[in-house]
Amino acid sequence: MTMNRAEICHADDFDTMDRLQEVLAGLGIVADDSWHDSEFGLGLTKLRKGDQVLTVFRDAWIVDIAGPDDLVNEVLAAL
């Protein structure tokens, strides 16, 4: 399994982050804990779809995702 990373948006692009949340929920990708269900905090958030792990990283500048190629590509296609 190969891994992939993709930059999603600037950290202050709240519309795109909201859309990312909608896409993840629609694809059945859920956070390991419920406090990440509303928005992404700073740092690393781990999400799962079955046995696959997708991470969302947000710092002061950017939001990006990383995970298995097929899962990252599925998220990007839905965005």
Protein backbone atom coordinates (compact mmCIF):
# COMPACT_ATOMS: atom_id res chain seq x y z
CA MET A 1 0.00 0.00 0.00
CA THR A 2 1.41 3.37 -0.97
CA MET A 3 0.79 6.54 0.97
CA ASN A 4 -0.08 9.96 -0.35
CA ARG A 5 -0.30 13.51 1.00
CA ALA A 6 -2.32 16.44 -0.35
CA GLU A 7 -2.56 20.07 0.64
CA ILE A 8 -6.21 21.04 1.02
CA CYS A 9 -6.33 24.74 1.86
CA HIS A 10 -4.93 27.61 3.90
CA ALA A 11 -5.58 27.32 7.63
CA ASP A 12 -7.96 30.29 7.55
CA ASP A 13 -10.10 28.95 4.67
CA PHE A 14 -13.02 27.94 6.85
CA ASP A 15 -15.39 27.31 3.92
CA THR A 16 -13.07 24.65 2.49
CA MET A 17 -12.51 23.11 5.92
CA ASP A 18 -16.29 22.89 6.39
CA ARG A 19 -16.57 21.25 2.96
CA LEU A 20 -13.79 18.80 3.91
CA GLN A 21 -15.74 17.86 7.07
CA GLU A 22 -18.86 17.24 4.94
CA VAL A 23 -16.93 15.13 2.43
CA LEU A 24 -15.29 13.04 5.14
CA ALA A 25 -18.64 12.38 6.83
CA GLY A 26 -20.25 11.55 3.49
CA LEU A 27 -17.51 9.02 2.74
CA GLY A 28 -17.88 7.38 6.15
CA ILE A 29 -14.52 8.64 7.40
CA VAL A 30 -14.84 9.33 11.11
CA ALA A 31 -12.59 10.65 13.86
CA ASP A 32 -11.27 8.32 16.53
CA ASP A 33 -12.99 10.55 19.10
CA SER A 34 -16.13 12.66 18.97
CA TRP A 35 -14.59 16.03 19.87
CA HIS A 36 -13.13 16.24 16.33
CA ASP A 37 -16.56 15.93 14.72
CA SER A 38 -17.24 19.68 14.55
CA GLU A 39 -13.97 21.17 13.29
CA PHE A 40 -10.27 20.46 13.03
CA GLY A 41 -8.10 21.80 15.79
CA LEU A 42 -4.44 22.63 15.42
CA GLY A 43 -2.19 19.64 15.08
CA LEU A 44 -2.85 16.12 13.88
CA THR A 45 -6.28 14.49 13.77
CA LYS A 46 -6.57 10.76 13.03
CA LEU A 47 -9.63 9.53 11.18
CA ARG A 48 -10.65 6.05 10.05
CA LYS A 49 -12.55 4.34 7.31
CA GLY A 50 -12.59 0.67 8.17
CA ASP A 51 -9.00 -0.31 8.79
CA GLN A 52 -7.57 2.63 6.81
CA VAL A 53 -6.22 5.66 8.66
CA LEU A 54 -6.37 9.18 7.25
CA THR A 55 -4.70 12.06 9.03
CA VAL A 56 -5.59 15.72 8.81
CA PHE A 57 -2.86 18.13 9.81
CA ARG A 58 -3.61 21.79 10.50
CA ASP A 59 -1.11 24.39 11.60
CA ALA A 60 -1.10 28.20 11.38
CA TRP A 61 -0.62 28.10 7.58
CA ILE A 62 -2.11 25.01 5.96
CA VAL A 63 -4.46 22.05 6.20
CA ASP A 64 -3.37 18.80 4.59
CA ILE A 65 -4.40 15.16 4.54
CA ALA A 66 -2.31 12.00 4.35
CA GLY A 67 -3.09 8.33 4.07
CA PRO A 68 -3.39 5.44 1.65
CA ASP A 69 -3.45 6.53 -2.01
CA ASP A 70 -6.97 5.28 -2.67
CA LEU A 71 -8.43 7.00 0.39
CA VAL A 72 -6.69 10.33 -0.26
CA ASN A 73 -7.79 10.19 -3.92
CA GLU A 74 -11.37 9.41 -2.87
CA VAL A 75 -11.43 12.49 -0.63
CA LEU A 76 -9.88 14.71 -3.31
CA ALA A 77 -12.36 13.52 -5.94
CA ALA A 78 -15.28 14.30 -3.63
CA LEU A 79 -13.96 17.76 -2.78
